[in-house]
């Protein structure tokens, strides 16, 4: 997955990292994990997803000011994606 850069005027300093979260949606519960990505990257590949399964994905940017104080941004609205069956 890829995402757009946050405009400079909407940041609280430089982007230190992105937090990419994915959760498997099962019976109204969301069981998932998060991964920290360097702030210079705007791409991530999910691995080991289960075929024919619904997932919610969101991204959050963490920024730091000149004193290295970290500001956790608000997560994006989650997007829902469903994996397909394996080919072959």
C-alpha atoms as a PDB file:
ATOM      1  CA  UNK A   1       0.000   0.000   0.000  1.00  0.00           C
ATOM      2  CA  UNK A   2       1.077   3.574  -0.557  1.00  0.00           C
ATOM      3  CA  UNK A   3      -0.066   6.922   0.808  1.00  0.00           C
ATOM      4  CA  UNK A   4       0.389  10.606   0.064  1.00  0.00           C
ATOM      5  CA  UNK A   5       2.796  12.869   1.886  1.00  0.00           C
ATOM      6  CA  UNK A   6       1.244  15.101   4.554  1.00  0.00           C
ATOM      7  CA  UNK A   7       1.368  18.774   3.493  1.00  0.00           C
ATOM      8  CA  UNK A   8       3.955  20.779   5.470  1.00  0.00           C
ATOM      9  CA  UNK A   9       1.369  23.103   7.013  1.00  0.00           C
ATOM     10  CA  UNK A  10      -0.491  20.126   8.516  1.00  0.00           C
ATOM     11  CA  UNK A  11       2.518  18.667  10.347  1.00  0.00           C
ATOM     12  CA  UNK A  12       3.674  19.267  13.934  1.00  0.00           C
ATOM     13  CA  UNK A  13       7.343  19.112  12.898  1.00  0.00           C
ATOM     14  CA  UNK A  14       9.112  16.589  10.715  1.00  0.00           C
ATOM     15  CA  UNK A  15       7.556  13.168  10.189  1.00  0.00           C
ATOM     16  CA  UNK A  16       9.574  10.767  12.320  1.00  0.00           C
ATOM     17  CA  UNK A  17       7.577   7.646  11.523  1.00  0.00           C
ATOM     18  CA  UNK A  18       4.329   6.309  10.172  1.00  0.00           C
ATOM     19  CA  UNK A  19       2.385   3.706  12.130  1.00  0.00           C
ATOM     20  CA  UNK A  20       0.605   1.311   9.781  1.00  0.00           C
ATOM     21  CA  UNK A  21      -2.131  -0.740  11.461  1.00  0.00           C
ATOM     22  CA  UNK A  22      -4.006  -3.710  10.066  1.00  0.00           C
ATOM     23  CA  UNK A  23      -6.646  -5.794  11.740  1.00  0.00           C
ATOM     24  CA  UNK A  24      -8.555  -8.845  10.670  1.00  0.00           C
ATOM     25  CA  UNK A  25     -12.276  -8.255  11.067  1.00  0.00           C
ATOM     26  CA  UNK A  26     -13.983 -11.250  12.689  1.00  0.00           C
ATOM     27  CA  UNK A  27     -17.397 -11.262  14.360  1.00  0.00           C
ATOM     28  CA  UNK A  28     -17.365  -7.490  14.976  1.00  0.00           C
ATOM     29  CA  UNK A  29     -13.937  -7.738  16.614  1.00  0.00           C
ATOM     30  CA  UNK A  30     -10.755  -6.415  15.102  1.00  0.00           C
ATOM     31  CA  UNK A  31      -7.621  -8.409  15.884  1.00  0.00           C
ATOM     32  CA  UNK A  32      -4.488  -6.835  14.493  1.00  0.00           C
ATOM     33  CA  UNK A  33      -1.017  -5.451  14.636  1.00  0.00           C
ATOM     34  CA  UNK A  34       0.877  -2.223  13.981  1.00  0.00           C
ATOM     35  CA  UNK A  35       4.220  -1.572  12.330  1.00  0.00           C
ATOM     36  CA  UNK A  36       6.407   1.539  12.564  1.00  0.00           C
ATOM     37  CA  UNK A  37       7.739   2.734   9.205  1.00  0.00           C
ATOM     38  CA  UNK A  38      10.483   5.344   8.749  1.00  0.00           C
ATOM     39  CA  UNK A  39       9.075   8.811   8.063  1.00  0.00           C
ATOM     40  CA  UNK A  40      10.905   8.917   4.732  1.00  0.00           C
ATOM     41  CA  UNK A  41       8.903   5.932   3.421  1.00  0.00           C
ATOM     42  CA  UNK A  42       5.342   6.020   2.145  1.00  0.00           C
ATOM     43  CA  UNK A  43       4.947   2.402   1.088  1.00  0.00           C
ATOM     44  CA  UNK A  44       4.377  -0.849   2.950  1.00  0.00           C
ATOM     45  CA  UNK A  45       3.665  -4.422   1.848  1.00  0.00           C
ATOM     46  CA  UNK A  46       1.559  -6.651   4.061  1.00  0.00           C
ATOM     47  CA  UNK A  47       2.530 -10.319   4.134  1.00  0.00           C
ATOM     48  CA  UNK A  48       0.916 -13.513   5.416  1.00  0.00           C
ATOM     49  CA  UNK A  49      -2.649 -12.322   4.871  1.00  0.00           C
ATOM     50  CA  UNK A  50      -5.394 -14.929   4.896  1.00  0.00           C
ATOM     51  CA  UNK A  51      -7.282 -15.457   1.613  1.00  0.00           C
ATOM     52  CA  UNK A  52     -10.938 -14.359   1.473  1.00  0.00           C
ATOM     53  CA  UNK A  53     -10.572 -12.319   4.660  1.00  0.00           C
ATOM     54  CA  UNK A  54     -11.699  -8.777   5.499  1.00  0.00           C
ATOM     55  CA  UNK A  55      -9.112  -6.375   6.941  1.00  0.00           C
ATOM     56  CA  UNK A  56      -9.237  -2.775   8.164  1.00  0.00           C
ATOM     57  CA  UNK A  57      -6.122  -0.687   7.528  1.00  0.00           C
ATOM     58  CA  UNK A  58      -5.195   2.748   8.903  1.00  0.00           C
ATOM     59  CA  UNK A  59      -2.107   4.951   9.026  1.00  0.00           C
ATOM     60  CA  UNK A  60      -0.923   7.480  11.616  1.00  0.00           C
ATOM     61  CA  UNK A  61       1.995   9.908  11.346  1.00  0.00           C
ATOM     62  CA  UNK A  62       4.186  10.677  14.353  1.00  0.00           C
ATOM     63  CA  UNK A  63       6.139  13.927  14.170  1.00  0.00           C
ATOM     64  CA  UNK A  64       8.918  15.429  16.259  1.00  0.00           C
ATOM     65  CA  UNK A  65       9.816  19.038  16.886  1.00  0.00           C
ATOM     66  CA  UNK A  66      13.342  20.459  17.280  1.00  0.00           C
ATOM     67  CA  UNK A  67      13.478  19.188  20.903  1.00  0.00           C
ATOM     68  CA  UNK A  68      12.587  15.655  19.728  1.00  0.00           C
ATOM     69  CA  UNK A  69       9.239  15.808  21.493  1.00  0.00           C
ATOM     70  CA  UNK A  70       7.006  13.283  19.756  1.00  0.00           C
ATOM     71  CA  UNK A  71       3.480  14.186  18.676  1.00  0.00           C
ATOM     72  CA  UNK A  72       1.262  11.240  17.804  1.00  0.00           C
ATOM     73  CA  UNK A  73      -1.088  12.129  14.999  1.00  0.00           C
ATOM     74  CA  UNK A  74      -4.644  10.955  14.636  1.00  0.00           C
ATOM     75  CA  UNK A  75      -5.076   7.749  12.654  1.00  0.00           C
ATOM     76  CA  UNK A  76      -6.616   7.924   9.220  1.00  0.00           C
ATOM     77  CA  UNK A  77     -10.121   6.684   8.659  1.00  0.00           C
ATOM     78  CA  UNK A  78      -9.723   2.920   8.221  1.00  0.00           C
ATOM     79  CA  UNK A  79     -10.166   1.444   4.809  1.00  0.00           C
ATOM     80  CA  UNK A  80     -11.647  -2.034   4.436  1.00  0.00           C
ATOM     81  CA  UNK A  81     -10.126  -4.494   2.007  1.00  0.00           C
ATOM     82  CA  UNK A  82     -10.859  -8.143   1.338  1.00  0.00           C
ATOM     83  CA  UNK A  83      -8.158 -10.508   0.186  1.00  0.00           C
ATOM     84  CA  UNK A  84      -8.821 -12.732  -2.807  1.00  0.00           C
ATOM     85  CA  UNK A  85      -8.453 -16.491  -3.175  1.00  0.00           C
ATOM     86  CA  UNK A  86      -5.004 -17.737  -4.158  1.00  0.00           C
ATOM     87  CA  UNK A  87      -4.522 -18.280  -7.854  1.00  0.00           C
ATOM     88  CA  UNK A  88      -3.638 -21.668  -9.251  1.00  0.00           C
END
